Amino acid sequence: MYACFVDFAKAFDTVLHSALFCKLNDIGINGQFFNVLKDMYTTNYIHVRVGNTLTDIFTAKRGVRQGDNLSPNLFKIYLNDLPSQFSVHDDPVELESVKINCLLYADVYRPVKQVYKIV
């Protein structure tokens, strides 16, 4: 059994825009809605304050917007094909008769602890 635990702290900052746009197209999101999403991320100009100085303006190539209602869903779309990278032929882990090859979110499965009656 192999285990990989990923700490998704600052995970929204790691989403590559170009990969996200491809994944949106792959799942059938296109047309005007796709164009609006793409414009949101390709025409977004940023500069950073360092002390009392602002950097030159630049565009971000990765990251979804913090606090935006769409960001959690865009992040889920970005990660959605991750399980396809694992082989279905690998021996699954069995938890309470449920066979699991890849568990994407840790809170999806919570095993019930066995309760013992003390007499």
C-alpha atoms as a PDB file:
ATOM      1  CA  MET A   1       0.000   0.000   0.000  1.00  0.00           C
ATOM      2  CA  TYR A   2       1.261   3.454  -0.889  1.00  0.00           C
ATOM      3  CA  ALA A   3       0.021   6.650   0.685  1.00  0.00           C
ATOM      4  CA  CYS A   4       0.505  10.226  -0.371  1.00  0.00           C
ATOM      5  CA  PHE A   5      -0.795  13.013   1.800  1.00  0.00           C
ATOM      6  CA  VAL A   6      -0.831  16.453   0.256  1.00  0.00           C
ATOM      7  CA  ASP A   7      -1.161  19.587   2.327  1.00  0.00           C
ATOM      8  CA  PHE A   8      -3.207  21.912   0.159  1.00  0.00           C
ATOM      9  CA  ALA A   9      -2.229  25.047   2.057  1.00  0.00           C
ATOM     10  CA  LYS A  10      -2.191  27.854  -0.489  1.00  0.00           C
ATOM     11  CA  ALA A  11      -3.505  25.356  -3.038  1.00  0.00           C
ATOM     12  CA  PHE A  12      -5.568  27.957  -4.880  1.00  0.00           C
ATOM     13  CA  ASP A  13      -2.297  29.755  -5.686  1.00  0.00           C
ATOM     14  CA  THR A  14      -0.920  26.739  -7.567  1.00  0.00           C
ATOM     15  CA  VAL A  15      -3.572  26.369 -10.298  1.00  0.00           C
ATOM     16  CA  LEU A  16      -1.955  26.955 -13.692  1.00  0.00           C
ATOM     17  CA  HIS A  17      -4.339  29.019 -15.815  1.00  0.00           C
ATOM     18  CA  SER A  18      -3.383  27.336 -19.100  1.00  0.00           C
ATOM     19  CA  ALA A  19      -4.020  23.860 -17.624  1.00  0.00           C
ATOM     20  CA  LEU A  20      -7.298  25.011 -16.065  1.00  0.00           C
ATOM     21  CA  PHE A  21      -8.518  26.347 -19.433  1.00  0.00           C
ATOM     22  CA  CYS A  22      -7.691  22.998 -21.089  1.00  0.00           C
ATOM     23  CA  LYS A  23      -9.502  21.066 -18.356  1.00  0.00           C
ATOM     24  CA  LEU A  24     -12.557  23.315 -18.650  1.00  0.00           C
ATOM     25  CA  ASN A  25     -12.653  22.623 -22.391  1.00  0.00           C
ATOM     26  CA  ASP A  26     -12.177  18.893 -21.781  1.00  0.00           C
ATOM     27  CA  ILE A  27     -15.312  18.740 -19.623  1.00  0.00           C
ATOM     28  CA  GLY A  28     -17.357  20.700 -22.150  1.00  0.00           C
ATOM     29  CA  ILE A  29     -17.220  24.207 -20.723  1.00  0.00           C
ATOM     30  CA  ASN A  30     -16.848  26.528 -23.679  1.00  0.00           C
ATOM     31  CA  GLY A  31     -18.593  29.377 -25.415  1.00  0.00           C
ATOM     32  CA  GLN A  32     -19.433  32.631 -23.685  1.00  0.00           C
ATOM     33  CA  PHE A  33     -19.079  31.264 -20.137  1.00  0.00           C
ATOM     34  CA  PHE A  34     -15.614  29.914 -20.946  1.00  0.00           C
ATOM     35  CA  ASN A  35     -14.638  33.238 -22.521  1.00  0.00           C
ATOM     36  CA  VAL A  36     -15.748  35.153 -19.416  1.00  0.00           C
ATOM     37  CA  LEU A  37     -13.702  32.838 -17.167  1.00  0.00           C
ATOM     38  CA  LYS A  38     -10.686  33.121 -19.445  1.00  0.00           C
ATOM     39  CA  ASP A  39     -10.970  36.919 -19.549  1.00  0.00           C
ATOM     40  CA  MET A  40     -11.183  37.006 -15.742  1.00  0.00           C
ATOM     41  CA  TYR A  41      -7.767  35.402 -15.530  1.00  0.00           C
ATOM     42  CA  THR A  42      -5.923  36.675 -18.605  1.00  0.00           C
ATOM     43  CA  THR A  43      -6.838  40.352 -18.289  1.00  0.00           C
ATOM     44  CA  ASN A  44      -6.155  40.565 -14.567  1.00  0.00           C
ATOM     45  CA  TYR A  45      -3.296  42.980 -13.894  1.00  0.00           C
ATOM     46  CA  ILE A  46      -1.498  42.915 -10.565  1.00  0.00           C
ATOM     47  CA  HIS A  47       1.160  44.806  -8.708  1.00  0.00           C
ATOM     48  CA  VAL A  48       2.508  44.144  -5.238  1.00  0.00           C
ATOM     49  CA  ARG A  49       3.352  46.557  -2.466  1.00  0.00           C
ATOM     50  CA  VAL A  50       6.755  45.912  -0.916  1.00  0.00           C
ATOM     51  CA  GLY A  51       7.173  48.324   1.963  1.00  0.00           C
ATOM     52  CA  ASN A  52       6.168  51.695   0.537  1.00  0.00           C
ATOM     53  CA  THR A  53       6.934  50.733  -3.066  1.00  0.00           C
ATOM     54  CA  LEU A  54       4.712  49.157  -5.711  1.00  0.00           C
ATOM     55  CA  THR A  55       6.171  46.695  -8.193  1.00  0.00           C
ATOM     56  CA  ASP A  56       5.624  47.052 -11.915  1.00  0.00           C
ATOM     57  CA  ILE A  57       2.290  45.710 -13.183  1.00  0.00           C
ATOM     58  CA  PHE A  58       2.278  42.058 -14.258  1.00  0.00           C
ATOM     59  CA  THR A  59      -0.230  39.310 -15.047  1.00  0.00           C
ATOM     60  CA  ALA A  60      -0.487  36.180 -12.956  1.00  0.00           C
ATOM     61  CA  LYS A  61      -0.153  32.874 -14.819  1.00  0.00           C
ATOM     62  CA  ARG A  62      -1.430  30.756 -11.946  1.00  0.00           C
ATOM     63  CA  GLY A  63      -3.822  30.863  -9.028  1.00  0.00           C
ATOM     64  CA  VAL A  64      -7.557  31.224  -8.721  1.00  0.00           C
ATOM     65  CA  ARG A  65      -9.063  34.267  -7.063  1.00  0.00           C
ATOM     66  CA  GLN A  66      -9.175  34.193  -3.291  1.00  0.00           C
ATOM     67  CA  GLY A  67     -12.703  34.700  -1.964  1.00  0.00           C
ATOM     68  CA  ASP A  68     -14.399  34.278  -5.344  1.00  0.00           C
ATOM     69  CA  ASN A  69     -17.441  31.983  -5.262  1.00  0.00           C
ATOM     70  CA  LEU A  70     -16.205  30.109  -8.344  1.00  0.00           C
ATOM     71  CA  SER A  71     -12.692  29.423  -7.022  1.00  0.00           C
ATOM     72  CA  PRO A  72     -13.453  26.257  -5.003  1.00  0.00           C
ATOM     73  CA  ASN A  73     -15.240  24.750  -8.002  1.00  0.00           C
ATOM     74  CA  LEU A  74     -12.465  25.734 -10.405  1.00  0.00           C
ATOM     75  CA  PHE A  75      -9.963  24.114  -8.044  1.00  0.00           C
ATOM     76  CA  LYS A  76     -12.047  20.916  -7.914  1.00  0.00           C
ATOM     77  CA  ILE A  77     -12.190  20.852 -11.733  1.00  0.00           C
ATOM     78  CA  TYR A  78      -8.411  21.336 -11.798  1.00  0.00           C
ATOM     79  CA  LEU A  79      -7.898  18.298  -9.521  1.00  0.00           C
ATOM     80  CA  ASN A  80     -10.746  16.172 -10.831  1.00  0.00           C
ATOM     81  CA  ASP A  81      -8.660  14.027 -13.184  1.00  0.00           C
ATOM     82  CA  LEU A  82      -5.997  13.267 -10.567  1.00  0.00           C
ATOM     83  CA  PRO A  83      -7.395   9.769  -9.798  1.00  0.00           C
ATOM     84  CA  SER A  84      -6.985   8.816 -13.473  1.00  0.00           C
ATOM     85  CA  GLN A  85      -3.232   9.007 -12.921  1.00  0.00           C
ATOM     86  CA  PHE A  86      -3.429   5.978 -10.623  1.00  0.00           C
ATOM     87  CA  SER A  87      -3.695   2.450 -11.974  1.00  0.00           C
ATOM     88  CA  VAL A  88      -6.993   0.674 -11.382  1.00  0.00           C
ATOM     89  CA  HIS A  89      -4.993  -2.549 -11.339  1.00  0.00           C
ATOM     90  CA  ASP A  90      -3.178  -1.626  -8.142  1.00  0.00           C
ATOM     91  CA  ASP A  91      -4.346  -3.477  -5.071  1.00  0.00           C
ATOM     92  CA  PRO A  92      -7.005  -1.328  -3.433  1.00  0.00           C
ATOM     93  CA  VAL A  93      -7.167  -0.637   0.262  1.00  0.00           C
ATOM     94  CA  GLU A  94     -10.223  -2.185   1.870  1.00  0.00           C
ATOM     95  CA  LEU A  95     -11.944  -0.232   4.619  1.00  0.00           C
ATOM     96  CA  GLU A  96     -15.067  -1.827   6.047  1.00  0.00           C
ATOM     97  CA  SER A  97     -15.680  -3.803   2.836  1.00  0.00           C
ATOM     98  CA  VAL A  98     -15.201  -0.732   0.629  1.00  0.00           C
ATOM     99  CA  LYS A  99     -12.332  -1.000  -1.866  1.00  0.00           C
ATOM    100  CA  ILE A 100     -10.520   2.280  -2.428  1.00  0.00           C
ATOM    101  CA  ASN A 101      -7.847   2.879  -5.096  1.00  0.00           C
ATOM    102  CA  CYS A 102      -7.662   6.625  -4.693  1.00  0.00           C
ATOM    103  CA  LEU A 103      -9.228   8.799  -2.034  1.00  0.00           C
ATOM    104  CA  LEU A 104      -9.270  12.364  -3.277  1.00  0.00           C
ATOM    105  CA  TYR A 105     -10.625  14.124  -0.223  1.00  0.00           C
ATOM    106  CA  ALA A 106      -9.817  12.985   3.286  1.00  0.00           C
ATOM    107  CA  ASP A 107     -13.234  13.826   4.685  1.00  0.00           C
ATOM    108  CA  VAL A 108     -15.097  11.675   2.149  1.00  0.00           C
ATOM    109  CA  TYR A 109     -14.596   8.501   4.128  1.00  0.00           C
ATOM    110  CA  ARG A 110     -14.623   8.337   7.894  1.00  0.00           C
ATOM    111  CA  PRO A 111     -14.490   4.816   9.293  1.00  0.00           C
ATOM    112  CA  VAL A 112     -16.807   4.133  12.191  1.00  0.00           C
ATOM    113  CA  LYS A 113     -14.982   3.014  15.298  1.00  0.00           C
ATOM    114  CA  GLN A 114     -16.104  -0.250  16.786  1.00  0.00           C
ATOM    115  CA  VAL A 115     -17.931   0.214  20.060  1.00  0.00           C
ATOM    116  CA  TYR A 116     -17.399  -2.288  22.832  1.00  0.00           C
ATOM    117  CA  LYS A 117     -19.872  -2.811  25.620  1.00  0.00           C
ATOM    118  CA  ILE A 118     -18.140  -3.116  28.981  1.00  0.00           C
ATOM    119  CA  VAL A 119     -19.944  -5.321  31.484  1.00  0.00           C
END
